[in-house]
Amino acid sequence: MLGVALKLKKGIITLSSILPELTEFQISKDEWFIFEKVHKFLINSKSLSTRLAGEKYVTLPQVVVSFNLLVNQIETTITQLDENILRTAIDGQLILSFQG
């Protein structure tokens, strides 16, 4: 869903700004930023999940490796956000969310 919303971002912004009944549903720049970060994270998780689900029998080594890949991805995302020189309050919120 996030992927579709991001692809239609310009249209959603335009539509919600010209139709009075949709004004209250406008998505802020900060929210779009969060959508993009979360989508990037979820896309990688989806491919991992698809790979595991495609097997007839998921073995423990596959689960352990997959879990480690997921933890590495979370840690990398946190590090990238934390080391950003122009870190925003939203970046801080994302860091706390990923640490949870």
PDB file of N, CA and C in Angstrom:
ATOM      1  N   MET A   1       0.806  -1.197   0.000  1.00  0.00           N
ATOM      2  CA  MET A   1       0.000   0.000   0.000  1.00  0.00           C
ATOM      3  C   MET A   1       0.852   1.266   0.000  1.00  0.00           C
ATOM      4  N   LEU A   2       1.911   1.253   0.819  1.00  0.00           N
ATOM      5  CA  LEU A   2       2.781   2.425   0.865  1.00  0.00           C
ATOM      6  C   LEU A   2       3.435   2.661  -0.498  1.00  0.00           C
ATOM      7  N   GLY A   3       3.811   1.569  -1.148  1.00  0.00           N
ATOM      8  CA  GLY A   3       4.440   1.690  -2.459  1.00  0.00           C
ATOM      9  C   GLY A   3       3.516   2.362  -3.457  1.00  0.00           C
ATOM     10  N   VAL A   4       2.254   1.990  -3.433  1.00  0.00           N
ATOM     11  CA  VAL A   4       1.267   2.592  -4.334  1.00  0.00           C
ATOM     12  C   VAL A   4       1.072   4.066  -3.994  1.00  0.00           C
ATOM     13  N   ALA A   5       0.956   4.362  -2.697  1.00  0.00           N
ATOM     14  CA  ALA A   5       0.785   5.758  -2.275  1.00  0.00           C
ATOM     15  C   ALA A   5       1.979   6.606  -2.706  1.00  0.00           C
ATOM     16  N   LEU A   6       3.187   6.048  -2.579  1.00  0.00           N
ATOM     17  CA  LEU A   6       4.375   6.800  -2.973  1.00  0.00           C
ATOM     18  C   LEU A   6       4.430   7.022  -4.485  1.00  0.00           C
ATOM     19  N   LYS A   7       3.972   6.041  -5.249  1.00  0.00           N
ATOM     20  CA  LYS A   7       3.937   6.206  -6.704  1.00  0.00           C
ATOM     21  C   LYS A   7       2.922   7.268  -7.119  1.00  0.00           C
ATOM     22  N   LEU A   8       1.857   7.382  -6.330  1.00  0.00           N
ATOM     23  CA  LEU A   8       0.783   8.331  -6.641  1.00  0.00           C
ATOM     24  C   LEU A   8       0.893   9.619  -5.825  1.00  0.00           C
ATOM     25  N   LYS A   9       2.040   9.854  -5.241  1.00  0.00           N
ATOM     26  CA  LYS A   9       2.241  10.980  -4.321  1.00  0.00           C
ATOM     27  C   LYS A   9       1.787  12.321  -4.922  1.00  0.00           C
ATOM     28  N   LYS A  10       2.244  12.642  -6.117  1.00  0.00           N
ATOM     29  CA  LYS A  10       1.884  13.932  -6.733  1.00  0.00           C
ATOM     30  C   LYS A  10       0.382  14.057  -6.913  1.00  0.00           C
ATOM     31  N   GLY A  11      -0.238  12.977  -7.370  1.00  0.00           N
ATOM     32  CA  GLY A  11      -1.689  12.995  -7.565  1.00  0.00           C
ATOM     33  C   GLY A  11      -2.450  13.128  -6.260  1.00  0.00           C
ATOM     34  N   ILE A  12      -1.978  12.442  -5.234  1.00  0.00           N
ATOM     35  CA  ILE A  12      -2.624  12.518  -3.917  1.00  0.00           C
ATOM     36  C   ILE A  12      -2.517  13.928  -3.360  1.00  0.00           C
ATOM     37  N   ILE A  13      -1.341  14.520  -3.478  1.00  0.00           N
ATOM     38  CA  ILE A  13      -1.145  15.890  -2.986  1.00  0.00           C
ATOM     39  C   ILE A  13      -2.055  16.858  -3.739  1.00  0.00           C
ATOM     40  N   THR A  14      -2.094  16.736  -5.049  1.00  0.00           N
ATOM     41  CA  THR A  14      -2.925  17.629  -5.864  1.00  0.00           C
ATOM     42  C   THR A  14      -4.396  17.457  -5.529  1.00  0.00           C
ATOM     43  N   LEU A  15      -4.851  16.221  -5.487  1.00  0.00           N
ATOM     44  CA  LEU A  15      -6.260  15.942  -5.229  1.00  0.00           C
ATOM     45  C   LEU A  15      -6.692  16.425  -3.850  1.00  0.00           C
ATOM     46  N   SER A  16      -5.865  16.173  -2.846  1.00  0.00           N
ATOM     47  CA  SER A  16      -6.235  16.577  -1.489  1.00  0.00           C
ATOM     48  C   SER A  16      -6.157  18.083  -1.277  1.00  0.00           C
ATOM     49  N   SER A  17      -5.439  18.771  -2.160  1.00  0.00           N
ATOM     50  CA  SER A  17      -5.352  20.229  -2.009  1.00  0.00           C
ATOM     51  C   SER A  17      -6.467  20.966  -2.751  1.00  0.00           C
ATOM     52  N   ILE A  18      -7.051  20.336  -3.779  1.00  0.00           N
ATOM     53  CA  ILE A  18      -8.091  21.044  -4.537  1.00  0.00           C
ATOM     54  C   ILE A  18      -9.515  20.652  -4.140  1.00  0.00           C
ATOM     55  N   LEU A  19      -9.668  19.496  -3.504  1.00  0.00           N
ATOM     56  CA  LEU A  19     -11.004  19.081  -3.083  1.00  0.00           C
ATOM     57  C   LEU A  19     -11.201  19.401  -1.597  1.00  0.00           C
ATOM     58  N   PRO A  20     -12.135  20.302  -1.297  1.00  0.00           N
ATOM     59  CA  PRO A  20     -12.329  20.719   0.104  1.00  0.00           C
ATOM     60  C   PRO A  20     -12.628  19.562   1.052  1.00  0.00           C
ATOM     61  N   GLU A  21     -13.337  18.559   0.582  1.00  0.00           N
ATOM     62  CA  GLU A  21     -13.695  17.434   1.458  1.00  0.00           C
ATOM     63  C   GLU A  21     -12.497  16.544   1.795  1.00  0.00           C
ATOM     64  N   LEU A  22     -11.397  16.709   1.085  1.00  0.00           N
ATOM     65  CA  LEU A  22     -10.192  15.919   1.352  1.00  0.00           C
ATOM     66  C   LEU A  22      -9.097  16.719   2.062  1.00  0.00           C
ATOM     67  N   THR A  23      -9.348  17.984   2.291  1.00  0.00           N
ATOM     68  CA  THR A  23      -8.332  18.847   2.896  1.00  0.00           C
ATOM     69  C   THR A  23      -7.840  18.306   4.230  1.00  0.00           C
ATOM     70  N   GLU A  24      -8.751  17.795   5.047  1.00  0.00           N
ATOM     71  CA  GLU A  24      -8.356  17.298   6.369  1.00  0.00           C
ATOM     72  C   GLU A  24      -7.498  16.033   6.292  1.00  0.00           C
ATOM     73  N   PHE A  25      -7.453  15.411   5.124  1.00  0.00           N
ATOM     74  CA  PHE A  25      -6.671  14.185   4.949  1.00  0.00           C
ATOM     75  C   PHE A  25      -5.327  14.428   4.272  1.00  0.00           C
ATOM     76  N   GLN A  26      -4.941  15.682   4.105  1.00  0.00           N
ATOM     77  CA  GLN A  26      -3.662  15.984   3.472  1.00  0.00           C
ATOM     78  C   GLN A  26      -2.513  15.376   4.272  1.00  0.00           C
ATOM     79  N   ILE A  27      -1.529  14.895   3.543  1.00  0.00           N
ATOM     80  CA  ILE A  27      -0.358  14.263   4.158  1.00  0.00           C
ATOM     81  C   ILE A  27       0.777  15.288   4.146  1.00  0.00           C
ATOM     82  N   SER A  28       1.355  15.524   5.316  1.00  0.00           N
ATOM     83  CA  SER A  28       2.420  16.523   5.436  1.00  0.00           C
ATOM     84  C   SER A  28       3.721  16.009   4.820  1.00  0.00           C
ATOM     85  N   LYS A  29       4.668  16.928   4.611  1.00  0.00           N
ATOM     86  CA  LYS A  29       5.980  16.551   4.081  1.00  0.00           C
ATOM     87  C   LYS A  29       6.680  15.582   5.031  1.00  0.00           C
ATOM     88  N   ASP A  30       6.530  15.825   6.322  1.00  0.00           N
ATOM     89  CA  ASP A  30       7.126  14.928   7.315  1.00  0.00           C
ATOM     90  C   ASP A  30       6.540  13.527   7.225  1.00  0.00           C
ATOM     91  N   GLU A  31       5.237  13.437   7.022  1.00  0.00           N
ATOM     92  CA  GLU A  31       4.586  12.121   6.899  1.00  0.00           C
ATOM     93  C   GLU A  31       5.041  11.400   5.636  1.00  0.00           C
ATOM     94  N   TRP A  32       5.197  12.138   4.532  1.00  0.00           N
ATOM     95  CA  TRP A  32       5.712  11.520   3.299  1.00  0.00           C
ATOM     96  C   TRP A  32       7.118  10.987   3.519  1.00  0.00           C
ATOM     97  N   PHE A  33       7.931  11.750   4.242  1.00  0.00           N
ATOM     98  CA  PHE A  33       9.294  11.328   4.551  1.00  0.00           C
ATOM     99  C   PHE A  33       9.280  10.015   5.336  1.00  0.00           C
ATOM    100  N   ILE A  34       8.403   9.944   6.333  1.00  0.00           N
ATOM    101  CA  ILE A  34       8.278   8.722   7.135  1.00  0.00           C
ATOM    102  C   ILE A  34       7.809   7.557   6.266  1.00  0.00           C
ATOM    103  N   PHE A  35       6.822   7.809   5.409  1.00  0.00           N
ATOM    104  CA  PHE A  35       6.346   6.760   4.501  1.00  0.00           C
ATOM    105  C   PHE A  35       7.483   6.195   3.668  1.00  0.00           C
ATOM    106  N   GLU A  36       8.327   7.090   3.138  1.00  0.00           N
ATOM    107  CA  GLU A  36       9.436   6.655   2.289  1.00  0.00           C
ATOM    108  C   GLU A  36      10.424   5.791   3.066  1.00  0.00           C
ATOM    109  N   LYS A  37      10.765   6.195   4.279  1.00  0.00           N
ATOM    110  CA  LYS A  37      11.705   5.425   5.105  1.00  0.00           C
ATOM    111  C   LYS A  37      11.124   4.069   5.475  1.00  0.00           C
ATOM    112  N   VAL A  38       9.875   4.060   5.902  1.00  0.00           N
ATOM    113  CA  VAL A  38       9.233   2.807   6.308  1.00  0.00           C
ATOM    114  C   VAL A  38       9.075   1.885   5.100  1.00  0.00           C
ATOM    115  N   HIS A  39       8.720   2.442   3.951  1.00  0.00           N
ATOM    116  CA  HIS A  39       8.552   1.631   2.745  1.00  0.00           C
ATOM    117  C   HIS A  39       9.867   0.958   2.351  1.00  0.00           C
ATOM    118  N   LYS A  40      10.941   1.721   2.397  1.00  0.00           N
ATOM    119  CA  LYS A  40      12.259   1.161   2.058  1.00  0.00           C
ATOM    120  C   LYS A  40      12.589  -0.010   2.986  1.00  0.00           C
ATOM    121  N   PHE A  41      12.295   0.154   4.248  1.00  0.00           N
ATOM    122  CA  PHE A  41      12.555  -0.901   5.222  1.00  0.00           C
ATOM    123  C   PHE A  41      11.660  -2.118   4.959  1.00  0.00           C
ATOM    124  N   LEU A  42      10.371  -1.879   4.728  1.00  0.00           N
ATOM    125  CA  LEU A  42       9.430  -2.987   4.539  1.00  0.00           C
ATOM    126  C   LEU A  42       9.668  -3.757   3.246  1.00  0.00           C
ATOM    127  N   ILE A  43      10.132  -3.081   2.212  1.00  0.00           N
ATOM    128  CA  ILE A  43      10.403  -3.756   0.932  1.00  0.00           C
ATOM    129  C   ILE A  43      11.444  -4.850   1.132  1.00  0.00           C
ATOM    130  N   ASN A  44      12.495  -4.539   1.886  1.00  0.00           N
ATOM    131  CA  ASN A  44      13.531  -5.539   2.148  1.00  0.00           C
ATOM    132  C   ASN A  44      12.982  -6.686   3.007  1.00  0.00           C
ATOM    133  N   SER A  45      12.149  -6.367   3.968  1.00  0.00           N
ATOM    134  CA  SER A  45      11.551  -7.398   4.816  1.00  0.00           C
ATOM    135  C   SER A  45      10.623  -8.296   4.004  1.00  0.00           C
ATOM    136  N   LYS A  46       9.925  -7.699   3.040  1.00  0.00           N
ATOM    137  CA  LYS A  46       9.003  -8.469   2.204  1.00  0.00           C
ATOM    138  C   LYS A  46       9.754  -9.521   1.390  1.00  0.00           C
ATOM    139  N   SER A  47      10.879  -9.138   0.810  1.00  0.00           N
ATOM    140  CA  SER A  47      11.627 -10.099  -0.006  1.00  0.00           C
ATOM    141  C   SER A  47      12.138 -11.247   0.854  1.00  0.00           C
ATOM    142  N   LEU A  48      12.546 -10.932   2.068  1.00  0.00           N
ATOM    143  CA  LEU A  48      13.001 -11.967   2.992  1.00  0.00           C
ATOM    144  C   LEU A  48      11.853 -12.902   3.368  1.00  0.00           C
ATOM    145  N   SER A  49      10.724 -12.331   3.665  1.00  0.00           N
ATOM    146  CA  SER A  49       9.542 -13.115   4.031  1.00  0.00           C
ATOM    147  C   SER A  49       9.089 -14.003   2.868  1.00  0.00           C
ATOM    148  N   THR A  50       9.124 -13.455   1.668  1.00  0.00           N
ATOM    149  CA  THR A  50       8.735 -14.220   0.484  1.00  0.00           C
ATOM    150  C   THR A  50       9.674 -15.406   0.265  1.00  0.00           C
ATOM    151  N   ARG A  51      10.959 -15.151   0.472  1.00  0.00           N
ATOM    152  CA  ARG A  51      11.943 -16.216   0.312  1.00  0.00           C
ATOM    153  C   ARG A  51      11.682 -17.352   1.303  1.00  0.00           C
ATOM    154  N   LEU A  52      11.401 -16.998   2.553  1.00  0.00           N
ATOM    155  CA  LEU A  52      11.145 -18.031   3.567  1.00  0.00           C
ATOM    156  C   LEU A  52       9.835 -18.764   3.296  1.00  0.00           C
ATOM    157  N   ALA A  53       8.832 -18.031   2.870  1.00  0.00           N
ATOM    158  CA  ALA A  53       7.526 -18.640   2.635  1.00  0.00           C
ATOM    159  C   ALA A  53       7.534 -19.540   1.403  1.00  0.00           C
ATOM    160  N   GLY A  54       8.483 -19.341   0.509  1.00  0.00           N
ATOM    161  CA  GLY A  54       8.547 -20.129  -0.710  1.00  0.00           C
ATOM    162  C   GLY A  54       9.088 -21.532  -0.502  1.00  0.00           C
ATOM    163  N   GLU A  55       9.667 -21.784   0.648  1.00  0.00           N
ATOM    164  CA  GLU A  55      10.229 -23.092   0.944  1.00  0.00           C
ATOM    165  C   GLU A  55       9.145 -24.020   1.496  1.00  0.00           C
ATOM    166  N   LYS A  56       9.247 -25.314   1.169  1.00  0.00           N
ATOM    167  CA  LYS A  56       8.296 -26.274   1.749  1.00  0.00           C
ATOM    168  C   LYS A  56       8.520 -26.404   3.240  1.00  0.00           C
ATOM    169  N   TYR A  57       9.776 -26.504   3.624  1.00  0.00           N
ATOM    170  CA  TYR A  57      10.115 -26.653   5.031  1.00  0.00           C
ATOM    171  C   TYR A  57      11.204 -25.643   5.378  1.00  0.00           C
ATOM    172  N   VAL A  58      10.850 -24.695   6.187  1.00  0.00           N
ATOM    173  CA  VAL A  58      11.826 -23.699   6.608  1.00  0.00           C
ATOM    174  C   VAL A  58      12.662 -24.308   7.726  1.00  0.00           C
ATOM    175  N   THR A  59      13.963 -24.309   7.539  1.00  0.00           N
ATOM    176  CA  THR A  59      14.837 -24.894   8.544  1.00  0.00           C
ATOM    177  C   THR A  59      15.344 -23.827   9.490  1.00  0.00           C
ATOM    178  N   LEU A  60      15.790 -24.242  10.648  1.00  0.00           N
ATOM    179  CA  LEU A  60      16.288 -23.314  11.649  1.00  0.00           C
ATOM    180  C   LEU A  60      17.432 -22.442  11.121  1.00  0.00           C
ATOM    181  N   PRO A  61      18.403 -23.012  10.389  1.00  0.00           N
ATOM    182  CA  PRO A  61      19.469 -22.147   9.861  1.00  0.00           C
ATOM    183  C   PRO A  61      18.931 -21.029   8.958  1.00  0.00           C
ATOM    184  N   GLN A  62      17.896 -21.329   8.169  1.00  0.00           N
ATOM    185  CA  GLN A  62      17.318 -20.291   7.314  1.00  0.00           C
ATOM    186  C   GLN A  62      16.692 -19.181   8.163  1.00  0.00           C
ATOM    187  N   VAL A  63      16.020 -19.578   9.232  1.00  0.00           N
ATOM    188  CA  VAL A  63      15.381 -18.599  10.107  1.00  0.00           C
ATOM    189  C   VAL A  63      16.439 -17.760  10.813  1.00  0.00           C
ATOM    190  N   VAL A  64      17.489 -18.394  11.309  1.00  0.00           N
ATOM    191  CA  VAL A  64      18.549 -17.666  12.017  1.00  0.00           C
ATOM    192  C   VAL A  64      19.231 -16.676  11.079  1.00  0.00           C
ATOM    193  N   VAL A  65      19.578 -17.108   9.888  1.00  0.00           N
ATOM    194  CA  VAL A  65      20.219 -16.213   8.913  1.00  0.00           C
ATOM    195  C   VAL A  65      19.268 -15.067   8.557  1.00  0.00           C
ATOM    196  N   SER A  66      18.004 -15.391   8.342  1.00  0.00           N
ATOM    197  CA  SER A  66      17.023 -14.367   7.991  1.00  0.00           C
ATOM    198  C   SER A  66      16.853 -13.366   9.118  1.00  0.00           C
ATOM    199  N   PHE A  67      16.787 -13.860  10.342  1.00  0.00           N
ATOM    200  CA  PHE A  67      16.656 -12.974  11.501  1.00  0.00           C
ATOM    201  C   PHE A  67      17.872 -12.065  11.614  1.00  0.00           C
ATOM    202  N   ASN A  68      19.058 -12.627  11.404  1.00  0.00           N
ATOM    203  CA  ASN A  68      20.280 -11.818  11.457  1.00  0.00           C
ATOM    204  C   ASN A  68      20.289 -10.746  10.372  1.00  0.00           C
ATOM    205  N   LEU A  69      19.820 -11.088   9.173  1.00  0.00           N
ATOM    206  CA  LEU A  69      19.730 -10.101   8.100  1.00  0.00           C
ATOM    207  C   LEU A  69      18.781  -8.966   8.477  1.00  0.00           C
ATOM    208  N   LEU A  70      17.668  -9.313   9.096  1.00  0.00           N
ATOM    209  CA  LEU A  70      16.700  -8.312   9.513  1.00  0.00           C
ATOM    210  C   LEU A  70      17.279  -7.404  10.592  1.00  0.00           C
ATOM    211  N   VAL A  71      17.956  -7.985  11.573  1.00  0.00           N
ATOM    212  CA  VAL A  71      18.589  -7.193  12.632  1.00  0.00           C
ATOM    213  C   VAL A  71      19.662  -6.281  12.044  1.00  0.00           C
ATOM    214  N   ASN A  72      20.455  -6.797  11.105  1.00  0.00           N
ATOM    215  CA  ASN A  72      21.485  -5.978  10.446  1.00  0.00           C
ATOM    216  C   ASN A  72      20.866  -4.800   9.700  1.00  0.00           C
ATOM    217  N   GLN A  73      19.741  -5.065   9.047  1.00  0.00           N
ATOM    218  CA  GLN A  73      19.058  -4.010   8.304  1.00  0.00           C
ATOM    219  C   GLN A  73      18.566  -2.923   9.264  1.00  0.00           C
ATOM    220  N   ILE A  74      18.009  -3.325  10.390  1.00  0.00           N
ATOM    221  CA  ILE A  74      17.532  -2.361  11.381  1.00  0.00           C
ATOM    222  C   ILE A  74      18.708  -1.536  11.908  1.00  0.00           C
ATOM    223  N   GLU A  75      19.797  -2.206  12.249  1.00  0.00           N
ATOM    224  CA  GLU A  75      20.972  -1.512  12.779  1.00  0.00           C
ATOM    225  C   GLU A  75      21.569  -0.546  11.749  1.00  0.00           C
ATOM    226  N   THR A  76      21.608  -0.945  10.498  1.00  0.00           N
ATOM    227  CA  THR A  76      22.125  -0.080   9.437  1.00  0.00           C
ATOM    228  C   THR A  76      21.256   1.157   9.276  1.00  0.00           C
ATOM    229  N   THR A  77      19.941   0.956   9.305  1.00  0.00           N
ATOM    230  CA  THR A  77      19.016   2.082   9.181  1.00  0.00           C
ATOM    231  C   THR A  77      19.190   3.052  10.341  1.00  0.00           C
ATOM    232  N   ILE A  78      19.305   2.526  11.552  1.00  0.00           N
ATOM    233  CA  ILE A  78      19.507   3.374  12.735  1.00  0.00           C
ATOM    234  C   ILE A  78      20.807   4.162  12.601  1.00  0.00           C
ATOM    235  N   THR A  79      21.878   3.494  12.189  1.00  0.00           N
ATOM    236  CA  THR A  79      23.181   4.158  12.046  1.00  0.00           C
ATOM    237  C   THR A  79      23.118   5.264  11.002  1.00  0.00           C
ATOM    238  N   GLN A  80      22.484   4.983   9.862  1.00  0.00           N
ATOM    239  CA  GLN A  80      22.383   5.991   8.808  1.00  0.00           C
ATOM    240  C   GLN A  80      21.617   7.219   9.293  1.00  0.00           C
ATOM    241  N   LEU A  81      20.518   6.980   9.996  1.00  0.00           N
ATOM    242  CA  LEU A  81      19.734   8.099  10.508  1.00  0.00           C
ATOM    243  C   LEU A  81      20.497   8.862  11.583  1.00  0.00           C
ATOM    244  N   ASP A  82      21.201   8.135  12.432  1.00  0.00           N
ATOM    245  CA  ASP A  82      21.919   8.739  13.547  1.00  0.00           C
ATOM    246  C   ASP A  82      23.119   9.560  13.083  1.00  0.00           C
ATOM    247  N   GLU A  83      23.775   9.127  12.015  1.00  0.00           N
ATOM    248  CA  GLU A  83      24.974   9.809  11.522  1.00  0.00           C
ATOM    249  C   GLU A  83      24.664  10.941  10.550  1.00  0.00           C
ATOM    250  N   ASN A  84      23.401  11.116  10.239  1.00  0.00           N
ATOM    251  CA  ASN A  84      23.006  12.185   9.328  1.00  0.00           C
ATOM    252  C   ASN A  84      23.300  13.545   9.966  1.00  0.00           C
ATOM    253  N   ILE A  85      24.115  14.336   9.324  1.00  0.00           N
ATOM    254  CA  ILE A  85      24.493  15.652   9.852  1.00  0.00           C
ATOM    255  C   ILE A  85      23.271  16.553   9.990  1.00  0.00           C
ATOM    256  N   LEU A  86      22.362  16.448   9.063  1.00  0.00           N
ATOM    257  CA  LEU A  86      21.150  17.280   9.069  1.00  0.00           C
ATOM    258  C   LEU A  86      19.971  16.536   9.698  1.00  0.00           C
ATOM    259  N   ARG A  87      20.246  15.778  10.745  1.00  0.00           N
ATOM    260  CA  ARG A  87      19.214  14.954  11.387  1.00  0.00           C
ATOM    261  C   ARG A  87      18.067  15.820  11.902  1.00  0.00           C
ATOM    262  N   THR A  88      16.870  15.368  11.629  1.00  0.00           N
ATOM    263  CA  THR A  88      15.669  16.093  12.041  1.00  0.00           C
ATOM    264  C   THR A  88      15.012  15.383  13.220  1.00  0.00           C
ATOM    265  N   ALA A  89      13.978  16.004  13.752  1.00  0.00           N
ATOM    266  CA  ALA A  89      13.217  15.399  14.849  1.00  0.00           C
ATOM    267  C   ALA A  89      12.552  14.105  14.369  1.00  0.00           C
ATOM    268  N   ILE A  90      12.167  14.088  13.117  1.00  0.00           N
ATOM    269  CA  ILE A  90      11.542  12.882  12.561  1.00  0.00           C
ATOM    270  C   ILE A  90      12.556  11.750  12.511  1.00  0.00           C
ATOM    271  N   ASP A  91      13.790  12.069  12.137  1.00  0.00           N
ATOM    272  CA  ASP A  91      14.837  11.051  12.148  1.00  0.00           C
ATOM    273  C   ASP A  91      14.986  10.475  13.550  1.00  0.00           C
ATOM    274  N   GLY A  92      14.940  11.335  14.550  1.00  0.00           N
ATOM    275  CA  GLY A  92      15.023  10.882  15.939  1.00  0.00           C
ATOM    276  C   GLY A  92      13.879   9.960  16.305  1.00  0.00           C
ATOM    277  N   GLN A  93      12.675  10.286  15.836  1.00  0.00           N
ATOM    278  CA  GLN A  93      11.515   9.437  16.099  1.00  0.00           C
ATOM    279  C   GLN A  93      11.653   8.091  15.399  1.00  0.00           C
ATOM    280  N   LEU A  94      12.164   8.126  14.168  1.00  0.00           N
ATOM    281  CA  LEU A  94      12.374   6.870  13.437  1.00  0.00           C
ATOM    282  C   LEU A  94      13.414   6.001  14.139  1.00  0.00           C
ATOM    283  N   ILE A  95      14.479   6.623  14.651  1.00  0.00           N
ATOM    284  CA  ILE A  95      15.513   5.871  15.364  1.00  0.00           C
ATOM    285  C   ILE A  95      14.887   5.175  16.575  1.00  0.00           C
ATOM    286  N   LEU A  96      14.089   5.914  17.334  1.00  0.00           N
ATOM    287  CA  LEU A  96      13.440   5.308  18.512  1.00  0.00           C
ATOM    288  C   LEU A  96      12.499   4.179  18.108  1.00  0.00           C
ATOM    289  N   SER A  97      11.799   4.357  17.000  1.00  0.00           N
ATOM    290  CA  SER A  97      10.882   3.317  16.525  1.00  0.00           C
ATOM    291  C   SER A  97      11.621   2.058  16.122  1.00  0.00           C
ATOM    292  N   PHE A  98      12.723   2.226  15.398  1.00  0.00           N
ATOM    293  CA  PHE A  98      13.488   1.062  14.971  1.00  0.00           C
ATOM    294  C   PHE A  98      14.192   0.386  16.149  1.00  0.00           C
ATOM    295  N   GLN A  99      14.508   1.142  17.193  1.00  0.00           N
ATOM    296  CA  GLN A  99      15.141   0.552  18.358  1.00  0.00           C
ATOM    297  C   GLN A  99      14.148  -0.233  19.215  1.00  0.00           C
ATOM    298  N   GLY A 100      12.868   0.095  19.065  1.00  0.00           N
ATOM    299  CA  GLY A 100      11.821  -0.569  19.859  1.00  0.00           C
ATOM    300  C   GLY A 100      11.697  -1.969  19.463  1.00  0.00           C
TER     301      GLY A 100
END
